[in-house]
């Protein structure tokens, strides 16, 4: 299920805690939203949300 950018931004903001989002949660979010991990990374960058605990160099 593909989402528009505003829906992705909203989901990333809700998933982030204190401006941070774990890699595991970012990958899970991408799967749930049906978008590439790179899109979650792009949106997180745009929203100034830091990704941490990165795995496999996805972000």
PDB file of N, CA and C in Angstrom:
ATOM      1  N   UNK A   1       0.838  -1.166   0.000  1.00  0.00           N
ATOM      2  CA  UNK A   1       0.000   0.000   0.000  1.00  0.00           C
ATOM      3  C   UNK A   1       0.886   1.232   0.000  1.00  0.00           C
ATOM      4  N   UNK A   2       0.883   1.945  -1.081  1.00  0.00           N
ATOM      5  CA  UNK A   2       1.726   3.124  -1.231  1.00  0.00           C
ATOM      6  C   UNK A   2       1.077   4.329  -0.559  1.00  0.00           C
ATOM      7  N   UNK A   3       1.899   5.134   0.001  1.00  0.00           N
ATOM      8  CA  UNK A   3       1.436   6.311   0.737  1.00  0.00           C
ATOM      9  C   UNK A   3       1.971   7.573   0.081  1.00  0.00           C
ATOM     10  N   UNK A   4       1.241   8.679   0.276  1.00  0.00           N
ATOM     11  CA  UNK A   4       1.763   9.944  -0.224  1.00  0.00           C
ATOM     12  C   UNK A   4       2.752  10.516   0.787  1.00  0.00           C
ATOM     13  N   UNK A   5       3.461  11.524   0.389  1.00  0.00           N
ATOM     14  CA  UNK A   5       4.547  12.081   1.197  1.00  0.00           C
ATOM     15  C   UNK A   5       4.043  12.584   2.549  1.00  0.00           C
ATOM     16  N   UNK A   6       2.900  13.222   2.588  1.00  0.00           N
ATOM     17  CA  UNK A   6       2.380  13.739   3.858  1.00  0.00           C
ATOM     18  C   UNK A   6       2.070  12.608   4.825  1.00  0.00           C
ATOM     19  N   UNK A   7       1.540  11.512   4.327  1.00  0.00           N
ATOM     20  CA  UNK A   7       1.262  10.357   5.184  1.00  0.00           C
ATOM     21  C   UNK A   7       2.563   9.759   5.721  1.00  0.00           C
ATOM     22  N   UNK A   8       3.586   9.728   4.876  1.00  0.00           N
ATOM     23  CA  UNK A   8       4.890   9.206   5.300  1.00  0.00           C
ATOM     24  C   UNK A   8       5.484  10.118   6.372  1.00  0.00           C
ATOM     25  N   UNK A   9       5.429  11.431   6.147  1.00  0.00           N
ATOM     26  CA  UNK A   9       5.944  12.379   7.136  1.00  0.00           C
ATOM     27  C   UNK A   9       5.239  12.204   8.475  1.00  0.00           C
ATOM     28  N   UNK A  10       3.924  12.081   8.437  1.00  0.00           N
ATOM     29  CA  UNK A  10       3.146  11.912   9.657  1.00  0.00           C
ATOM     30  C   UNK A  10       3.561  10.640  10.393  1.00  0.00           C
ATOM     31  N   UNK A  11       3.727   9.551   9.655  1.00  0.00           N
ATOM     32  CA  UNK A  11       4.115   8.275  10.259  1.00  0.00           C
ATOM     33  C   UNK A  11       5.514   8.351  10.867  1.00  0.00           C
ATOM     34  N   UNK A  12       6.440   9.006  10.172  1.00  0.00           N
ATOM     35  CA  UNK A  12       7.807   9.141  10.682  1.00  0.00           C
ATOM     36  C   UNK A  12       7.808   9.994  11.952  1.00  0.00           C
ATOM     37  N   UNK A  13       7.077  11.088  11.943  1.00  0.00           N
ATOM     38  CA  UNK A  13       7.002  11.943  13.132  1.00  0.00           C
ATOM     39  C   UNK A  13       6.416  11.192  14.322  1.00  0.00           C
ATOM     40  N   UNK A  14       5.392  10.402  14.081  1.00  0.00           N
ATOM     41  CA  UNK A  14       4.769   9.634  15.164  1.00  0.00           C
ATOM     42  C   UNK A  14       5.702   8.550  15.694  1.00  0.00           C
ATOM     43  N   UNK A  15       6.519   7.973  14.824  1.00  0.00           N
ATOM     44  CA  UNK A  15       7.416   6.883  15.225  1.00  0.00           C
ATOM     45  C   UNK A  15       8.671   7.396  15.923  1.00  0.00           C
ATOM     46  N   UNK A  16       9.050   8.629  15.642  1.00  0.00           N
ATOM     47  CA  UNK A  16      10.278   9.187  16.223  1.00  0.00           C
ATOM     48  C   UNK A  16      10.065   9.538  17.693  1.00  0.00           C
ATOM     49  N   UNK A  17      11.096   9.303  18.480  1.00  0.00           N
ATOM     50  CA  UNK A  17      11.080   9.650  19.901  1.00  0.00           C
ATOM     51  C   UNK A  17      12.204  10.651  20.138  1.00  0.00           C
ATOM     52  N   UNK A  18      11.828  11.824  20.601  1.00  0.00           N
ATOM     53  CA  UNK A  18      12.800  12.893  20.871  1.00  0.00           C
ATOM     54  C   UNK A  18      13.684  13.174  19.663  1.00  0.00           C
ATOM     55  N   UNK A  19      13.080  13.189  18.473  1.00  0.00           N
ATOM     56  CA  UNK A  19      13.811  13.516  17.254  1.00  0.00           C
ATOM     57  C   UNK A  19      14.711  12.419  16.737  1.00  0.00           C
ATOM     58  N   UNK A  20      14.497  11.189  17.215  1.00  0.00           N
ATOM     59  CA  UNK A  20      15.330  10.061  16.786  1.00  0.00           C
ATOM     60  C   UNK A  20      14.447   8.888  16.387  1.00  0.00           C
ATOM     61  N   UNK A  21      14.960   8.104  15.435  1.00  0.00           N
ATOM     62  CA  UNK A  21      14.256   6.924  14.944  1.00  0.00           C
ATOM     63  C   UNK A  21      15.284   5.822  14.730  1.00  0.00           C
ATOM     64  N   UNK A  22      15.040   4.663  15.322  1.00  0.00           N
ATOM     65  CA  UNK A  22      15.997   3.561  15.151  1.00  0.00           C
ATOM     66  C   UNK A  22      15.896   3.001  13.741  1.00  0.00           C
ATOM     67  N   UNK A  23      16.978   2.449  13.282  1.00  0.00           N
ATOM     68  CA  UNK A  23      17.011   1.832  11.958  1.00  0.00           C
ATOM     69  C   UNK A  23      15.968   0.722  11.870  1.00  0.00           C
ATOM     70  N   UNK A  24      15.872  -0.084  12.915  1.00  0.00           N
ATOM     71  CA  UNK A  24      14.904  -1.180  12.930  1.00  0.00           C
ATOM     72  C   UNK A  24      13.490  -0.652  12.747  1.00  0.00           C
ATOM     73  N   UNK A  25      13.140   0.401  13.472  1.00  0.00           N
ATOM     74  CA  UNK A  25      11.805   0.974  13.342  1.00  0.00           C
ATOM     75  C   UNK A  25      11.604   1.639  11.989  1.00  0.00           C
ATOM     76  N   UNK A  26      12.641   2.243  11.449  1.00  0.00           N
ATOM     77  CA  UNK A  26      12.541   2.869  10.130  1.00  0.00           C
ATOM     78  C   UNK A  26      12.286   1.813   9.052  1.00  0.00           C
ATOM     79  N   UNK A  27      12.997   0.687   9.135  1.00  0.00           N
ATOM     80  CA  UNK A  27      12.779  -0.381   8.152  1.00  0.00           C
ATOM     81  C   UNK A  27      11.389  -0.985   8.310  1.00  0.00           C
ATOM     82  N   UNK A  28      10.938  -1.153   9.532  1.00  0.00           N
ATOM     83  CA  UNK A  28       9.594  -1.675   9.787  1.00  0.00           C
ATOM     84  C   UNK A  28       8.541  -0.713   9.230  1.00  0.00           C
ATOM     85  N   UNK A  29       8.753   0.562   9.445  1.00  0.00           N
ATOM     86  CA  UNK A  29       7.832   1.580   8.954  1.00  0.00           C
ATOM     87  C   UNK A  29       7.758   1.552   7.428  1.00  0.00           C
ATOM     88  N   UNK A  30       8.907   1.424   6.779  1.00  0.00           N
ATOM     89  CA  UNK A  30       8.935   1.347   5.315  1.00  0.00           C
ATOM     90  C   UNK A  30       8.122   0.151   4.828  1.00  0.00           C
ATOM     91  N   UNK A  31       8.283  -0.976   5.492  1.00  0.00           N
ATOM     92  CA  UNK A  31       7.539  -2.174   5.104  1.00  0.00           C
ATOM     93  C   UNK A  31       6.036  -1.972   5.309  1.00  0.00           C
ATOM     94  N   UNK A  32       5.653  -1.418   6.446  1.00  0.00           N
ATOM     95  CA  UNK A  32       4.238  -1.184   6.746  1.00  0.00           C
ATOM     96  C   UNK A  32       3.597  -0.222   5.755  1.00  0.00           C
ATOM     97  N   UNK A  33       4.357   0.797   5.341  1.00  0.00           N
ATOM     98  CA  UNK A  33       3.827   1.812   4.431  1.00  0.00           C
ATOM     99  C   UNK A  33       3.955   1.418   2.963  1.00  0.00           C
ATOM    100  N   UNK A  34       4.740   0.381   2.698  1.00  0.00           N
ATOM    101  CA  UNK A  34       4.926  -0.054   1.316  1.00  0.00           C
ATOM    102  C   UNK A  34       5.787   0.893   0.504  1.00  0.00           C
ATOM    103  N   UNK A  35       6.794   1.474   1.170  1.00  0.00           N
ATOM    104  CA  UNK A  35       7.702   2.401   0.489  1.00  0.00           C
ATOM    105  C   UNK A  35       9.138   1.920   0.686  1.00  0.00           C
ATOM    106  N   UNK A  36      10.055   2.342  -0.184  1.00  0.00           N
ATOM    107  CA  UNK A  36      11.462   1.960  -0.012  1.00  0.00           C
ATOM    108  C   UNK A  36      12.053   2.577   1.256  1.00  0.00           C
ATOM    109  N   UNK A  37      13.031   1.901   1.831  1.00  0.00           N
ATOM    110  CA  UNK A  37      13.700   2.447   3.014  1.00  0.00           C
ATOM    111  C   UNK A  37      14.325   3.805   2.709  1.00  0.00           C
ATOM    112  N   UNK A  38      14.758   3.992   1.479  1.00  0.00           N
ATOM    113  CA  UNK A  38      15.365   5.274   1.101  1.00  0.00           C
ATOM    114  C   UNK A  38      14.370   6.426   1.234  1.00  0.00           C
ATOM    115  N   UNK A  39      13.090   6.156   1.018  1.00  0.00           N
ATOM    116  CA  UNK A  39      12.066   7.197   1.162  1.00  0.00           C
ATOM    117  C   UNK A  39      11.902   7.579   2.635  1.00  0.00           C
ATOM    118  N   UNK A  40      11.941   6.597   3.517  1.00  0.00           N
ATOM    119  CA  UNK A  40      11.875   6.887   4.951  1.00  0.00           C
ATOM    120  C   UNK A  40      13.097   7.714   5.349  1.00  0.00           C
ATOM    121  N   UNK A  41      14.264   7.344   4.857  1.00  0.00           N
ATOM    122  CA  UNK A  41      15.483   8.094   5.144  1.00  0.00           C
ATOM    123  C   UNK A  41      15.418   9.517   4.634  1.00  0.00           C
ATOM    124  N   UNK A  42      14.902   9.701   3.425  1.00  0.00           N
ATOM    125  CA  UNK A  42      14.783  11.038   2.839  1.00  0.00           C
ATOM    126  C   UNK A  42      13.850  11.910   3.678  1.00  0.00           C
ATOM    127  N   UNK A  43      12.707  11.342   4.053  1.00  0.00           N
ATOM    128  CA  UNK A  43      11.735  12.088   4.854  1.00  0.00           C
ATOM    129  C   UNK A  43      12.313  12.405   6.234  1.00  0.00           C
ATOM    130  N   UNK A  44      12.992  11.453   6.841  1.00  0.00           N
ATOM    131  CA  UNK A  44      13.605  11.690   8.152  1.00  0.00           C
ATOM    132  C   UNK A  44      14.623  12.828   8.061  1.00  0.00           C
ATOM    133  N   UNK A  45      15.435  12.832   7.014  1.00  0.00           N
ATOM    134  CA  UNK A  45      16.402  13.921   6.815  1.00  0.00           C
ATOM    135  C   UNK A  45      15.680  15.262   6.695  1.00  0.00           C
ATOM    136  N   UNK A  46      14.628  15.273   5.902  1.00  0.00           N
ATOM    137  CA  UNK A  46      13.861  16.501   5.685  1.00  0.00           C
ATOM    138  C   UNK A  46      13.280  17.027   6.998  1.00  0.00           C
ATOM    139  N   UNK A  47      12.854  16.101   7.853  1.00  0.00           N
ATOM    140  CA  UNK A  47      12.249  16.475   9.130  1.00  0.00           C
ATOM    141  C   UNK A  47      13.280  16.650  10.249  1.00  0.00           C
ATOM    142  N   UNK A  48      14.567  16.520   9.898  1.00  0.00           N
ATOM    143  CA  UNK A  48      15.664  16.651  10.871  1.00  0.00           C
ATOM    144  C   UNK A  48      15.571  15.589  11.968  1.00  0.00           C
ATOM    145  N   UNK A  49      15.130  14.389  11.594  1.00  0.00           N
ATOM    146  CA  UNK A  49      15.061  13.263  12.522  1.00  0.00           C
ATOM    147  C   UNK A  49      16.292  12.404  12.309  1.00  0.00           C
ATOM    148  N   UNK A  50      16.994  12.139  13.398  1.00  0.00           N
ATOM    149  CA  UNK A  50      18.241  11.375  13.334  1.00  0.00           C
ATOM    150  C   UNK A  50      17.932   9.882  13.395  1.00  0.00           C
ATOM    151  N   UNK A  51      18.515   9.136  12.456  1.00  0.00           N
ATOM    152  CA  UNK A  51      18.416   7.681  12.475  1.00  0.00           C
ATOM    153  C   UNK A  51      19.595   7.137  13.266  1.00  0.00           C
ATOM    154  N   UNK A  52      19.350   6.125  14.104  1.00  0.00           N
ATOM    155  CA  UNK A  52      20.433   5.555  14.907  1.00  0.00           C
ATOM    156  C   UNK A  52      20.338   4.036  14.920  1.00  0.00           C
ATOM    157  N   UNK A  53      21.420   3.416  15.343  1.00  0.00           N
ATOM    158  CA  UNK A  53      21.467   1.958  15.407  1.00  0.00           C
ATOM    159  C   UNK A  53      21.373   1.342  14.024  1.00  0.00           C
ATOM    160  N   UNK A  54      22.022   1.978  13.057  1.00  0.00           N
ATOM    161  CA  UNK A  54      21.874   1.567  11.662  1.00  0.00           C
ATOM    162  C   UNK A  54      22.412   0.165  11.406  1.00  0.00           C
ATOM    163  N   UNK A  55      21.672  -0.538  10.561  1.00  0.00           N
ATOM    164  CA  UNK A  55      21.997  -1.898  10.157  1.00  0.00           C
ATOM    165  C   UNK A  55      22.131  -1.936   8.639  1.00  0.00           C
ATOM    166  N   UNK A  56      23.091  -2.650   8.152  1.00  0.00           N
ATOM    167  CA  UNK A  56      23.236  -2.923   6.724  1.00  0.00           C
ATOM    168  C   UNK A  56      23.443  -1.691   5.856  1.00  0.00           C
ATOM    169  N   UNK A  57      23.668  -0.525   6.430  1.00  0.00           N
ATOM    170  CA  UNK A  57      23.881   0.676   5.638  1.00  0.00           C
ATOM    171  C   UNK A  57      22.670   1.106   4.829  1.00  0.00           C
ATOM    172  N   UNK A  58      21.472   0.788   5.298  1.00  0.00           N
ATOM    173  CA  UNK A  58      20.241   1.132   4.573  1.00  0.00           C
ATOM    174  C   UNK A  58      20.022   2.632   4.480  1.00  0.00           C
ATOM    175  N   UNK A  59      20.508   3.370   5.482  1.00  0.00           N
ATOM    176  CA  UNK A  59      20.256   4.801   5.525  1.00  0.00           C
ATOM    177  C   UNK A  59      21.570   5.529   5.470  1.00  0.00           C
TER     178      UNK A  59
END
